[in-house]
Amino acid sequence: MEKLSVSLEDYIEEIYNQIKNSGKAKVTAIAQALNVKKASVTGALNVLAEKRLINYAPYSEITLTKEGEKIAKKILEKHEKLAEFFVEVLGADNSQALEIACKMEHIVPDKIFKNMVKLTKYVKSDLKDTIKNIY
């Protein structure tokens, strides 16, 4: 599968989040969440449907295909793990971490991402061990 554009990744992540949180994804809700016009959403949905990542027909619910769900979960995991890195390792506040993670999830290579996850785990476990030793 070819790499999705940043914009399409944002759409598929938002679709996944809406289905997870409310059981369905709709054009209007996606437009509001991503702060774009409904026409932009419709265009993106048509592209995602052509790539067989979503099931979409006008005026009906939007669902993810198995491949679409797999991609969405990967994007979301990157988003969450990057935010955790910024908070736990770099000391960023939550809202700042989420904002930066949203931008970086699209450009961080897998190898660097995996190393950031390892570093976060190390820092968190080392911190727990240090606290245990203090008390």
C-alpha atoms as a PDB file:
ATOM      1  CA  MET A   1       0.000   0.000   0.000  1.00  0.00           C
ATOM      2  CA  GLU A   2       1.301   3.442  -0.916  1.00  0.00           C
ATOM      3  CA  LYS A   3       1.907   5.963   1.843  1.00  0.00           C
ATOM      4  CA  LEU A   4      -1.062   8.195   2.617  1.00  0.00           C
ATOM      5  CA  SER A   5      -0.758  11.971   2.620  1.00  0.00           C
ATOM      6  CA  VAL A   6      -0.735  13.764   5.973  1.00  0.00           C
ATOM      7  CA  SER A   7      -4.271  14.955   5.281  1.00  0.00           C
ATOM      8  CA  LEU A   8      -5.599  11.466   4.515  1.00  0.00           C
ATOM      9  CA  GLU A   9      -3.910  10.102   7.631  1.00  0.00           C
ATOM     10  CA  ASP A  10      -5.715  12.762   9.669  1.00  0.00           C
ATOM     11  CA  TYR A  11      -9.033  11.764   8.093  1.00  0.00           C
ATOM     12  CA  ILE A  12      -8.599   8.050   8.716  1.00  0.00           C
ATOM     13  CA  GLU A  13      -7.491   8.686  12.302  1.00  0.00           C
ATOM     14  CA  GLU A  14     -10.539  10.894  12.902  1.00  0.00           C
ATOM     15  CA  ILE A  15     -12.885   8.317  11.394  1.00  0.00           C
ATOM     16  CA  TYR A  16     -11.413   5.667  13.678  1.00  0.00           C
ATOM     17  CA  ASN A  17     -11.731   7.911  16.753  1.00  0.00           C
ATOM     18  CA  GLN A  18     -15.354   8.766  15.976  1.00  0.00           C
ATOM     19  CA  ILE A  19     -16.324   5.139  15.457  1.00  0.00           C
ATOM     20  CA  LYS A  20     -14.512   4.197  18.671  1.00  0.00           C
ATOM     21  CA  ASN A  21     -16.110   7.000  20.701  1.00  0.00           C
ATOM     22  CA  SER A  22     -19.646   7.175  19.316  1.00  0.00           C
ATOM     23  CA  GLY A  23     -20.086   4.050  17.229  1.00  0.00           C
ATOM     24  CA  LYS A  24     -20.276   5.945  13.934  1.00  0.00           C
ATOM     25  CA  ALA A  25     -18.513   8.514  11.783  1.00  0.00           C
ATOM     26  CA  LYS A  26     -20.364  11.157   9.789  1.00  0.00           C
ATOM     27  CA  VAL A  27     -19.224  13.808   7.320  1.00  0.00           C
ATOM     28  CA  THR A  28     -20.423  16.746   9.465  1.00  0.00           C
ATOM     29  CA  ALA A  29     -18.680  15.486  12.597  1.00  0.00           C
ATOM     30  CA  ILE A  30     -15.427  14.862  10.698  1.00  0.00           C
ATOM     31  CA  ALA A  31     -15.593  18.360   9.188  1.00  0.00           C
ATOM     32  CA  GLN A  32     -16.094  19.921  12.620  1.00  0.00           C
ATOM     33  CA  ALA A  33     -13.322  17.881  14.259  1.00  0.00           C
ATOM     34  CA  LEU A  34     -10.775  18.664  11.551  1.00  0.00           C
ATOM     35  CA  ASN A  35     -12.002  22.229  11.021  1.00  0.00           C
ATOM     36  CA  VAL A  36     -12.565  21.759   7.285  1.00  0.00           C
ATOM     37  CA  LYS A  37     -15.507  22.118   4.929  1.00  0.00           C
ATOM     38  CA  LYS A  38     -17.850  19.197   4.265  1.00  0.00           C
ATOM     39  CA  ALA A  39     -16.811  19.224   0.596  1.00  0.00           C
ATOM     40  CA  SER A  40     -13.202  18.599   1.647  1.00  0.00           C
ATOM     41  CA  VAL A  41     -14.316  15.679   3.794  1.00  0.00           C
ATOM     42  CA  THR A  42     -16.342  14.202   0.935  1.00  0.00           C
ATOM     43  CA  GLY A  43     -13.350  14.458  -1.394  1.00  0.00           C
ATOM     44  CA  ALA A  44     -11.079  12.748   1.119  1.00  0.00           C
ATOM     45  CA  LEU A  45     -13.658  10.033   1.785  1.00  0.00           C
ATOM     46  CA  ASN A  46     -13.889   9.290  -1.937  1.00  0.00           C
ATOM     47  CA  VAL A  47     -10.101   8.896  -2.124  1.00  0.00           C
ATOM     48  CA  LEU A  48     -10.024   6.661   0.971  1.00  0.00           C
ATOM     49  CA  ALA A  49     -12.846   4.566  -0.494  1.00  0.00           C
ATOM     50  CA  GLU A  50     -10.943   4.229  -3.806  1.00  0.00           C
ATOM     51  CA  LYS A  51      -7.952   2.978  -1.815  1.00  0.00           C
ATOM     52  CA  ARG A  52     -10.299   0.488  -0.116  1.00  0.00           C
ATOM     53  CA  LEU A  53      -9.560   1.844   3.356  1.00  0.00           C
ATOM     54  CA  ILE A  54     -13.151   2.839   4.124  1.00  0.00           C
ATOM     55  CA  ASN A  55     -16.660   1.916   3.059  1.00  0.00           C
ATOM     56  CA  TYR A  56     -18.435   5.091   2.035  1.00  0.00           C
ATOM     57  CA  ALA A  57     -21.548   6.124   0.174  1.00  0.00           C
ATOM     58  CA  PRO A  58     -23.177   9.575   0.401  1.00  0.00           C
ATOM     59  CA  TYR A  59     -25.601   9.977   3.315  1.00  0.00           C
ATOM     60  CA  SER A  60     -24.603   6.698   4.924  1.00  0.00           C
ATOM     61  CA  GLU A  61     -22.355   5.737   7.793  1.00  0.00           C
ATOM     62  CA  ILE A  62     -18.647   5.587   7.156  1.00  0.00           C
ATOM     63  CA  THR A  63     -16.876   2.405   8.207  1.00  0.00           C
ATOM     64  CA  LEU A  64     -13.286   1.283   8.033  1.00  0.00           C
ATOM     65  CA  THR A  65     -12.157  -1.764   6.109  1.00  0.00           C
ATOM     66  CA  LYS A  66      -9.783  -4.156   7.895  1.00  0.00           C
ATOM     67  CA  GLU A  67      -6.824  -2.504   6.179  1.00  0.00           C
ATOM     68  CA  GLY A  68      -8.173   0.968   7.027  1.00  0.00           C
ATOM     69  CA  GLU A  69      -8.585   0.017  10.674  1.00  0.00           C
ATOM     70  CA  LYS A  70      -5.057  -1.392  10.762  1.00  0.00           C
ATOM     71  CA  ILE A  71      -3.635   1.857   9.374  1.00  0.00           C
ATOM     72  CA  ALA A  72      -5.775   3.999  11.696  1.00  0.00           C
ATOM     73  CA  LYS A  73      -4.620   2.038  14.761  1.00  0.00           C
ATOM     74  CA  LYS A  74      -0.987   2.446  13.718  1.00  0.00           C
ATOM     75  CA  ILE A  75      -1.410   6.218  13.290  1.00  0.00           C
ATOM     76  CA  LEU A  76      -3.208   6.505  16.629  1.00  0.00           C
ATOM     77  CA  GLU A  77      -0.553   4.440  18.397  1.00  0.00           C
ATOM     78  CA  LYS A  78       2.141   6.721  17.015  1.00  0.00           C
ATOM     79  CA  HIS A  79       0.165   9.759  18.153  1.00  0.00           C
ATOM     80  CA  GLU A  80      -0.299   8.411  21.692  1.00  0.00           C
ATOM     81  CA  LYS A  81       3.275   7.133  22.092  1.00  0.00           C
ATOM     82  CA  LEU A  82       4.778  10.373  20.803  1.00  0.00           C
ATOM     83  CA  ALA A  83       2.625  12.385  23.214  1.00  0.00           C
ATOM     84  CA  GLU A  84       3.731  10.081  26.042  1.00  0.00           C
ATOM     85  CA  PHE A  85       7.387  10.654  25.062  1.00  0.00           C
ATOM     86  CA  PHE A  86       6.935  14.420  25.136  1.00  0.00           C
ATOM     87  CA  VAL A  87       5.259  14.316  28.565  1.00  0.00           C
ATOM     88  CA  GLU A  88       7.261  11.570  30.304  1.00  0.00           C
ATOM     89  CA  VAL A  89      10.720  12.207  28.855  1.00  0.00           C
ATOM     90  CA  LEU A  90      10.735  15.853  27.856  1.00  0.00           C
ATOM     91  CA  GLY A  91       8.335  17.247  30.473  1.00  0.00           C
ATOM     92  CA  ALA A  92       5.876  18.872  28.063  1.00  0.00           C
ATOM     93  CA  ASP A  93       2.359  19.570  29.305  1.00  0.00           C
ATOM     94  CA  ASN A  94      -0.408  17.333  27.971  1.00  0.00           C
ATOM     95  CA  SER A  95      -2.034  19.737  25.502  1.00  0.00           C
ATOM     96  CA  GLN A  96       1.320  20.789  24.071  1.00  0.00           C
ATOM     97  CA  ALA A  97       2.393  17.139  23.780  1.00  0.00           C
ATOM     98  CA  LEU A  98      -0.796  16.192  21.910  1.00  0.00           C
ATOM     99  CA  GLU A  99      -0.422  19.100  19.501  1.00  0.00           C
ATOM    100  CA  ILE A 100       3.206  18.279  18.689  1.00  0.00           C
ATOM    101  CA  ALA A 101       2.468  14.557  18.415  1.00  0.00           C
ATOM    102  CA  CYS A 102      -0.294  15.268  15.891  1.00  0.00           C
ATOM    103  CA  LYS A 103       2.219  17.011  13.642  1.00  0.00           C
ATOM    104  CA  MET A 104       5.071  14.563  14.133  1.00  0.00           C
ATOM    105  CA  GLU A 105       3.144  11.294  13.796  1.00  0.00           C
ATOM    106  CA  HIS A 106       3.229  11.743  10.036  1.00  0.00           C
ATOM    107  CA  ILE A 107       6.953  12.319   9.618  1.00  0.00           C
ATOM    108  CA  VAL A 108       8.806  10.313  12.270  1.00  0.00           C
ATOM    109  CA  PRO A 109      10.457   7.279  10.659  1.00  0.00           C
ATOM    110  CA  ASP A 110       9.562   3.908  12.200  1.00  0.00           C
ATOM    111  CA  LYS A 111      13.098   3.273  13.514  1.00  0.00           C
ATOM    112  CA  ILE A 112      13.220   6.594  15.366  1.00  0.00           C
ATOM    113  CA  PHE A 113       9.675   6.052  16.637  1.00  0.00           C
ATOM    114  CA  LYS A 114      10.583   2.623  18.026  1.00  0.00           C
ATOM    115  CA  ASN A 115      13.645   4.087  19.753  1.00  0.00           C
ATOM    116  CA  MET A 116      11.525   6.857  21.293  1.00  0.00           C
ATOM    117  CA  VAL A 117       9.139   4.215  22.657  1.00  0.00           C
ATOM    118  CA  LYS A 118      12.078   2.258  24.124  1.00  0.00           C
ATOM    119  CA  LEU A 119      13.504   5.406  25.701  1.00  0.00           C
ATOM    120  CA  THR A 120      10.139   6.308  27.199  1.00  0.00           C
ATOM    121  CA  LYS A 121       9.802   2.817  28.727  1.00  0.00           C
ATOM    122  CA  TYR A 122      13.331   3.041  30.102  1.00  0.00           C
ATOM    123  CA  VAL A 123      12.827   6.475  31.629  1.00  0.00           C
ATOM    124  CA  LYS A 124       9.502   5.444  33.190  1.00  0.00           C
ATOM    125  CA  SER A 125      10.878   2.178  34.630  1.00  0.00           C
ATOM    126  CA  ASP A 126      14.071   3.851  35.855  1.00  0.00           C
ATOM    127  CA  LEU A 127      11.977   6.542  37.535  1.00  0.00           C
ATOM    128  CA  LYS A 128       9.830   3.907  39.280  1.00  0.00           C
ATOM    129  CA  ASP A 129      12.962   2.114  40.511  1.00  0.00           C
ATOM    130  CA  THR A 130      14.420   5.392  41.782  1.00  0.00           C
ATOM    131  CA  ILE A 131      11.211   6.226  43.672  1.00  0.00           C
ATOM    132  CA  LYS A 132      11.099   2.727  45.195  1.00  0.00           C
ATOM    133  CA  ASN A 133      14.667   3.133  46.413  1.00  0.00           C
ATOM    134  CA  ILE A 134      13.901   6.487  48.003  1.00  0.00           C
ATOM    135  CA  TYR A 135      11.055   5.105  50.131  1.00  0.00           C
END
